[in-house]
Amino acid sequence: MLIEAILIGLAAGVLVGLLGIGGGTVLVPALVYLLHMDQHLAQGTSLFVLIPPLGLGALVVYWRRGSVDFAAGILSAVGILLGADLGGRLAVHTNSRDLQGYFGFFLMLAAVILWRKTTPETPHPAGRDNG
């Protein structure tokens, strides 16, 4: 389990820095399927893992390039702190199977939204009504 946990963390870290995704999108499924954790345990472990290094390495790189809006980041951090408290209170009272389904639905929804943005729109033929 030691090597697997280190490799999961390494993969999550690379994806956080490369894609800017939350590490939980990688960690939670990996902990559930590779380390056979219950959904609650995987989510709690993911939160614990992400507290110290939450994007700090990648943040420094982005900051040096002038690609960080600190005001928006601070305001969003306050929102995340409050929202995470509420979300955690809701999650602990949700059964693990339902919670896993909600997590999967969120990932699929995010994937569809992002995928649609990468597909170029086809232009309408000249003279056709666009409405």
N, C-alpha and C. Protein backbone atom coordinates (compact mmCIF):
# COMPACT_ATOMS: atom_id res chain seq x y z
N MET A 1 0.82 -1.19 0.00
CA MET A 1 0.00 0.00 0.00
C MET A 1 0.87 1.26 0.00
N LEU A 2 2.04 1.21 0.57
CA LEU A 2 2.92 2.37 0.66
C LEU A 2 3.29 2.91 -0.72
N ILE A 3 3.77 2.02 -1.59
CA ILE A 3 4.17 2.44 -2.93
C ILE A 3 2.97 2.94 -3.72
N GLU A 4 1.83 2.23 -3.63
CA GLU A 4 0.64 2.65 -4.36
C GLU A 4 0.18 4.04 -3.92
N ALA A 5 0.20 4.30 -2.61
CA ALA A 5 -0.23 5.60 -2.10
C ALA A 5 0.70 6.72 -2.60
N ILE A 6 1.99 6.45 -2.62
CA ILE A 6 2.95 7.45 -3.12
C ILE A 6 2.72 7.71 -4.61
N LEU A 7 2.51 6.65 -5.39
CA LEU A 7 2.27 6.81 -6.82
C LEU A 7 0.97 7.55 -7.12
N ILE A 8 -0.07 7.28 -6.32
CA ILE A 8 -1.34 7.99 -6.48
C ILE A 8 -1.13 9.48 -6.21
N GLY A 9 -0.40 9.80 -5.14
CA GLY A 9 -0.11 11.20 -4.83
C GLY A 9 0.71 11.87 -5.91
N LEU A 10 1.68 11.17 -6.45
CA LEU A 10 2.52 11.71 -7.52
C LEU A 10 1.68 12.01 -8.77
N ALA A 11 0.84 11.06 -9.15
CA ALA A 11 -0.02 11.25 -10.33
C ALA A 11 -0.97 12.43 -10.11
N ALA A 12 -1.55 12.53 -8.93
CA ALA A 12 -2.46 13.65 -8.63
C ALA A 12 -1.71 14.97 -8.69
N GLY A 13 -0.50 15.00 -8.16
CA GLY A 13 0.30 16.22 -8.17
C GLY A 13 0.64 16.68 -9.58
N VAL A 14 1.00 15.75 -10.44
CA VAL A 14 1.32 16.08 -11.83
C VAL A 14 0.08 16.65 -12.52
N LEU A 15 -1.08 16.02 -12.30
CA LEU A 15 -2.31 16.49 -12.94
C LEU A 15 -2.76 17.84 -12.38
N VAL A 16 -2.55 18.09 -11.09
CA VAL A 16 -2.87 19.39 -10.51
C VAL A 16 -2.04 20.47 -11.19
N GLY A 17 -0.75 20.24 -11.32
CA GLY A 17 0.12 21.22 -11.94
C GLY A 17 -0.10 21.37 -13.43
N LEU A 18 -0.36 20.27 -14.10
CA LEU A 18 -0.52 20.28 -15.55
C LEU A 18 -1.87 20.83 -15.99
N LEU A 19 -2.94 20.40 -15.34
CA LEU A 19 -4.29 20.73 -15.79
C LEU A 19 -5.03 21.70 -14.87
N GLY A 20 -4.49 21.95 -13.69
CA GLY A 20 -5.18 22.84 -12.76
C GLY A 20 -6.41 22.22 -12.14
N ILE A 21 -6.52 20.90 -12.20
CA ILE A 21 -7.70 20.24 -11.63
C ILE A 21 -7.50 20.05 -10.14
N GLY A 22 -8.58 19.90 -9.44
CA GLY A 22 -8.50 19.58 -8.02
C GLY A 22 -7.96 18.18 -7.86
N GLY A 23 -7.06 18.00 -6.95
CA GLY A 23 -6.45 16.69 -6.73
C GLY A 23 -7.45 15.61 -6.38
N GLY A 24 -8.59 16.01 -5.80
CA GLY A 24 -9.61 15.04 -5.42
C GLY A 24 -10.22 14.31 -6.59
N THR A 25 -10.22 14.93 -7.76
CA THR A 25 -10.77 14.26 -8.93
C THR A 25 -9.92 13.07 -9.34
N VAL A 26 -8.68 13.07 -8.93
CA VAL A 26 -7.79 11.94 -9.19
C VAL A 26 -7.70 11.06 -7.94
N LEU A 27 -7.52 11.70 -6.80
CA LEU A 27 -7.29 10.95 -5.56
C LEU A 27 -8.48 10.08 -5.16
N VAL A 28 -9.68 10.64 -5.17
CA VAL A 28 -10.83 9.88 -4.67
C VAL A 28 -11.06 8.61 -5.49
N PRO A 29 -11.16 8.69 -6.82
CA PRO A 29 -11.33 7.43 -7.56
C PRO A 29 -10.16 6.46 -7.36
N ALA A 30 -8.95 6.99 -7.31
CA ALA A 30 -7.79 6.11 -7.12
C ALA A 30 -7.84 5.41 -5.76
N LEU A 31 -8.21 6.14 -4.72
CA LEU A 31 -8.28 5.54 -3.39
C LEU A 31 -9.39 4.49 -3.31
N VAL A 32 -10.51 4.76 -3.99
CA VAL A 32 -11.63 3.80 -3.98
C VAL A 32 -11.26 2.54 -4.76
N TYR A 33 -10.73 2.70 -5.97
CA TYR A 33 -10.53 1.54 -6.83
C TYR A 33 -9.18 0.86 -6.68
N LEU A 34 -8.15 1.62 -6.35
CA LEU A 34 -6.83 0.99 -6.22
C LEU A 34 -6.52 0.56 -4.80
N LEU A 35 -6.99 1.35 -3.82
CA LEU A 35 -6.74 0.97 -2.42
C LEU A 35 -7.98 0.43 -1.74
N HIS A 36 -9.09 0.29 -2.49
CA HIS A 36 -10.33 -0.32 -2.02
C HIS A 36 -10.92 0.36 -0.79
N MET A 37 -10.85 1.69 -0.76
CA MET A 37 -11.43 2.44 0.36
C MET A 37 -12.91 2.68 0.12
N ASP A 38 -13.65 2.82 1.19
CA ASP A 38 -15.04 3.26 1.16
C ASP A 38 -15.05 4.71 0.67
N GLN A 39 -16.13 5.15 0.03
CA GLN A 39 -16.21 6.51 -0.52
C GLN A 39 -15.97 7.58 0.55
N HIS A 40 -16.56 7.42 1.71
CA HIS A 40 -16.35 8.40 2.79
C HIS A 40 -14.88 8.46 3.20
N LEU A 41 -14.27 7.29 3.35
CA LEU A 41 -12.86 7.24 3.75
C LEU A 41 -11.98 7.85 2.67
N ALA A 42 -12.28 7.58 1.41
CA ALA A 42 -11.50 8.14 0.31
C ALA A 42 -11.62 9.67 0.28
N GLN A 43 -12.83 10.19 0.43
CA GLN A 43 -13.02 11.64 0.41
C GLN A 43 -12.34 12.31 1.59
N GLY A 44 -12.46 11.74 2.77
CA GLY A 44 -11.79 12.29 3.95
C GLY A 44 -10.29 12.24 3.81
N THR A 45 -9.77 11.13 3.29
CA THR A 45 -8.32 10.99 3.09
C THR A 45 -7.84 12.00 2.06
N SER A 46 -8.61 12.18 0.99
CA SER A 46 -8.26 13.16 -0.04
C SER A 46 -8.17 14.56 0.55
N LEU A 47 -9.13 14.92 1.38
CA LEU A 47 -9.10 16.24 2.02
C LEU A 47 -7.86 16.40 2.89
N PHE A 48 -7.51 15.35 3.63
CA PHE A 48 -6.33 15.40 4.48
C PHE A 48 -5.06 15.57 3.64
N VAL A 49 -4.97 14.80 2.55
CA VAL A 49 -3.80 14.85 1.68
C VAL A 49 -3.62 16.25 1.08
N LEU A 50 -4.73 16.88 0.72
CA LEU A 50 -4.67 18.14 -0.02
C LEU A 50 -4.44 19.36 0.86
N ILE A 51 -4.60 19.26 2.17
CA ILE A 51 -4.42 20.43 3.02
C ILE A 51 -3.03 21.05 2.88
N PRO A 52 -1.94 20.30 3.11
CA PRO A 52 -0.62 20.97 3.05
C PRO A 52 -0.17 21.41 1.65
N PRO A 53 -0.25 20.55 0.65
CA PRO A 53 0.38 20.94 -0.61
C PRO A 53 -0.57 21.51 -1.66
N LEU A 54 -1.78 21.84 -1.29
CA LEU A 54 -2.83 22.19 -2.25
C LEU A 54 -2.36 23.17 -3.32
N GLY A 55 -1.71 22.65 -4.29
CA GLY A 55 -1.30 23.44 -5.44
C GLY A 55 -0.17 24.41 -5.18
N LEU A 56 0.49 24.36 -4.01
CA LEU A 56 1.54 25.33 -3.69
C LEU A 56 2.66 25.32 -4.72
N GLY A 57 3.11 24.13 -5.11
CA GLY A 57 4.19 24.05 -6.10
C GLY A 57 3.78 24.67 -7.42
N ALA A 58 2.58 24.34 -7.90
CA ALA A 58 2.10 24.90 -9.17
C ALA A 58 1.80 26.39 -9.02
N LEU A 59 1.30 26.80 -7.85
CA LEU A 59 0.99 28.22 -7.61
C LEU A 59 2.22 29.09 -7.81
N VAL A 60 3.34 28.65 -7.30
CA VAL A 60 4.58 29.43 -7.44
C VAL A 60 4.93 29.62 -8.91
N VAL A 61 4.78 28.57 -9.70
CA VAL A 61 5.08 28.66 -11.14
C VAL A 61 4.14 29.66 -11.81
N TYR A 62 2.85 29.54 -11.53
CA TYR A 62 1.87 30.46 -12.13
C TYR A 62 2.09 31.90 -11.66
N TRP A 63 2.42 32.08 -10.37
CA TRP A 63 2.64 33.42 -9.81
C TRP A 63 3.83 34.10 -10.50
N ARG A 64 4.89 33.35 -10.71
CA ARG A 64 6.08 33.90 -11.38
C ARG A 64 5.77 34.36 -12.79
N ARG A 65 4.78 33.78 -13.42
CA ARG A 65 4.38 34.17 -14.78
C ARG A 65 3.29 35.24 -14.76
N GLY A 66 2.90 35.69 -13.58
CA GLY A 66 1.87 36.71 -13.49
C GLY A 66 0.47 36.19 -13.76
N SER A 67 0.24 34.92 -13.55
CA SER A 67 -1.04 34.30 -13.87
C SER A 67 -1.85 33.94 -12.63
N VAL A 68 -1.83 34.82 -11.62
CA VAL A 68 -2.62 34.58 -10.41
C VAL A 68 -3.34 35.87 -10.03
N ASP A 69 -4.65 35.79 -9.84
CA ASP A 69 -5.45 36.91 -9.36
C ASP A 69 -5.67 36.66 -7.87
N PHE A 70 -4.84 37.30 -7.03
CA PHE A 70 -4.89 37.03 -5.59
C PHE A 70 -6.21 37.46 -4.95
N ALA A 71 -6.79 38.57 -5.38
CA ALA A 71 -8.06 39.01 -4.81
C ALA A 71 -9.16 37.98 -5.06
N ALA A 72 -9.27 37.53 -6.31
CA ALA A 72 -10.27 36.51 -6.63
C ALA A 72 -9.96 35.21 -5.88
N GLY A 73 -8.68 34.88 -5.76
CA GLY A 73 -8.29 33.67 -5.04
C GLY A 73 -8.66 33.71 -3.57
N ILE A 74 -8.43 34.86 -2.92
CA ILE A 74 -8.76 34.99 -1.50
C ILE A 74 -10.26 34.91 -1.29
N LEU A 75 -11.02 35.61 -2.12
CA LEU A 75 -12.48 35.57 -2.00
C LEU A 75 -13.02 34.16 -2.25
N SER A 76 -12.47 33.49 -3.25
CA SER A 76 -12.89 32.12 -3.53
C SER A 76 -12.51 31.18 -2.38
N ALA A 77 -11.35 31.41 -1.76
CA ALA A 77 -10.92 30.57 -0.64
C ALA A 77 -11.88 30.68 0.54
N VAL A 78 -12.37 31.89 0.79
CA VAL A 78 -13.37 32.07 1.86
C VAL A 78 -14.63 31.28 1.52
N GLY A 79 -15.06 31.38 0.25
CA GLY A 79 -16.23 30.62 -0.18
C GLY A 79 -16.02 29.13 -0.06
N ILE A 80 -14.85 28.66 -0.44
CA ILE A 80 -14.55 27.23 -0.34
C ILE A 80 -14.57 26.78 1.11
N LEU A 81 -14.00 27.58 2.00
CA LEU A 81 -13.97 27.22 3.42
C LEU A 81 -15.39 27.04 3.96
N LEU A 82 -16.26 27.99 3.66
CA LEU A 82 -17.65 27.90 4.13
C LEU A 82 -18.40 26.77 3.43
N GLY A 83 -18.23 26.67 2.11
CA GLY A 83 -18.91 25.63 1.36
C GLY A 83 -18.44 24.23 1.73
N ALA A 84 -17.15 24.07 1.99
CA ALA A 84 -16.62 22.76 2.36
C ALA A 84 -17.18 22.31 3.71
N ASP A 85 -17.36 23.26 4.62
CA ASP A 85 -17.96 22.91 5.91
C ASP A 85 -19.38 22.38 5.70
N LEU A 86 -20.17 23.10 4.92
CA LEU A 86 -21.54 22.68 4.64
C LEU A 86 -21.55 21.35 3.89
N GLY A 87 -20.71 21.22 2.85
CA GLY A 87 -20.65 19.98 2.09
C GLY A 87 -20.24 18.78 2.93
N GLY A 88 -19.28 18.99 3.81
CA GLY A 88 -18.85 17.91 4.70
C GLY A 88 -19.96 17.47 5.64
N ARG A 89 -20.70 18.44 6.15
CA ARG A 89 -21.83 18.12 7.04
C ARG A 89 -22.89 17.30 6.31
N LEU A 90 -23.12 17.63 5.03
CA LEU A 90 -24.09 16.86 4.23
C LEU A 90 -23.55 15.48 3.88
N ALA A 91 -22.27 15.41 3.51
CA ALA A 91 -21.68 14.14 3.04
C ALA A 91 -21.67 13.07 4.12
N VAL A 92 -21.38 13.43 5.35
CA VAL A 92 -21.27 12.40 6.39
C VAL A 92 -22.62 11.76 6.70
N HIS A 93 -23.70 12.40 6.29
CA HIS A 93 -25.03 11.83 6.52
C HIS A 93 -25.60 11.16 5.27
N THR A 94 -24.78 11.05 4.22
CA THR A 94 -25.19 10.41 2.97
C THR A 94 -24.55 9.04 2.91
N ASN A 95 -25.32 8.02 2.49
CA ASN A 95 -24.70 6.69 2.45
C ASN A 95 -23.63 6.65 1.37
N SER A 96 -22.67 5.77 1.55
CA SER A 96 -21.46 5.73 0.72
C SER A 96 -21.77 5.47 -0.75
N ARG A 97 -22.70 4.58 -1.02
CA ARG A 97 -23.04 4.25 -2.41
C ARG A 97 -23.63 5.47 -3.12
N ASP A 98 -24.54 6.19 -2.47
CA ASP A 98 -25.11 7.39 -3.08
C ASP A 98 -24.04 8.46 -3.29
N LEU A 99 -23.17 8.62 -2.30
CA LEU A 99 -22.11 9.61 -2.39
C LEU A 99 -21.19 9.30 -3.57
N GLN A 100 -20.89 8.03 -3.77
CA GLN A 100 -20.05 7.63 -4.90
C GLN A 100 -20.76 7.95 -6.22
N GLY A 101 -22.06 7.74 -6.27
CA GLY A 101 -22.83 8.07 -7.46
C GLY A 101 -22.84 9.57 -7.74
N TYR A 102 -23.00 10.39 -6.70
CA TYR A 102 -22.97 11.85 -6.88
C TYR A 102 -21.61 12.30 -7.39
N PHE A 103 -20.57 11.70 -6.85
CA PHE A 103 -19.20 12.04 -7.27
C PHE A 103 -19.01 11.70 -8.75
N GLY A 104 -19.42 10.51 -9.14
CA GLY A 104 -19.30 10.09 -10.53
C GLY A 104 -20.12 10.97 -11.46
N PHE A 105 -21.33 11.33 -11.05
CA PHE A 105 -22.17 12.21 -11.87
C PHE A 105 -21.49 13.56 -12.07
N PHE A 106 -20.91 14.10 -11.01
CA PHE A 106 -20.21 15.38 -11.12
C PHE A 106 -19.05 15.28 -12.11
N LEU A 107 -18.28 14.21 -12.04
CA LEU A 107 -17.15 14.05 -12.95
C LEU A 107 -17.63 13.94 -14.40
N MET A 108 -18.72 13.20 -14.62
CA MET A 108 -19.23 13.07 -15.99
C MET A 108 -19.78 14.40 -16.50
N LEU A 109 -20.48 15.13 -15.65
CA LEU A 109 -21.00 16.43 -16.05
C LEU A 109 -19.87 17.39 -16.40
N ALA A 110 -18.83 17.42 -15.58
CA ALA A 110 -17.68 18.27 -15.85
C ALA A 110 -17.02 17.86 -17.16
N ALA A 111 -16.90 16.57 -17.40
CA ALA A 111 -16.29 16.09 -18.64
C ALA A 111 -17.10 16.53 -19.86
N VAL A 112 -18.41 16.40 -19.80
CA VAL A 112 -19.26 16.80 -20.93
C VAL A 112 -19.13 18.29 -21.19
N ILE A 113 -19.18 19.09 -20.14
CA ILE A 113 -19.07 20.55 -20.30
C ILE A 113 -17.73 20.92 -20.94
N LEU A 114 -16.66 20.35 -20.44
CA LEU A 114 -15.33 20.66 -20.99
C LEU A 114 -15.18 20.13 -22.41
N TRP A 115 -15.70 18.94 -22.67
CA TRP A 115 -15.60 18.35 -24.00
C TRP A 115 -16.32 19.22 -25.03
N ARG A 116 -17.50 19.71 -24.67
CA ARG A 116 -18.27 20.56 -25.59
C ARG A 116 -17.51 21.84 -25.93
N LYS A 117 -16.76 22.37 -24.98
CA LYS A 117 -16.01 23.59 -25.25
C LYS A 117 -14.83 23.35 -26.19
N THR A 118 -14.37 22.12 -26.34
CA THR A 118 -13.26 21.83 -27.23
C THR A 118 -13.71 21.52 -28.65
N THR A 119 -15.00 21.29 -28.83
CA THR A 119 -15.54 20.96 -30.15
C THR A 119 -15.86 22.25 -30.89
N PRO A 120 -15.24 22.46 -32.06
CA PRO A 120 -15.54 23.69 -32.79
C PRO A 120 -16.98 23.70 -33.30
N GLU A 121 -17.58 24.87 -33.25
CA GLU A 121 -18.95 25.00 -33.76
C GLU A 121 -18.90 24.99 -35.27
N THR A 122 -19.85 24.30 -35.89
CA THR A 122 -19.91 24.30 -37.35
C THR A 122 -20.71 25.51 -37.79
N PRO A 123 -20.19 26.25 -38.76
CA PRO A 123 -20.90 27.45 -39.22
C PRO A 123 -22.18 27.06 -39.96
N HIS A 124 -23.20 27.88 -39.80
CA HIS A 124 -24.46 27.66 -40.51
C HIS A 124 -24.28 28.09 -41.97
N PRO A 125 -24.89 27.36 -42.90
CA PRO A 125 -24.79 27.76 -44.31
C PRO A 125 -25.35 29.17 -44.52
N ALA A 126 -24.77 29.89 -45.45
CA ALA A 126 -25.20 31.27 -45.73
C ALA A 126 -26.68 31.29 -46.10
N GLY A 127 -27.37 32.27 -45.58
CA GLY A 127 -28.77 32.45 -45.93
C GLY A 127 -29.74 31.66 -45.07
N ARG A 128 -29.25 30.76 -44.21
CA ARG A 128 -30.17 30.01 -43.35
C ARG A 128 -30.44 30.78 -42.08
N ASP A 129 -31.61 30.64 -41.59
CA ASP A 129 -31.98 31.28 -40.34
C ASP A 129 -31.28 30.56 -39.19
N ASN A 130 -30.58 31.30 -38.33
CA ASN A 130 -29.84 30.71 -37.22
C ASN A 130 -30.71 30.52 -35.99
N GLY A 131 -31.94 30.93 -36.03
CA GLY A 131 -32.79 30.84 -34.84
C GLY A 131 -33.70 29.73 -34.96
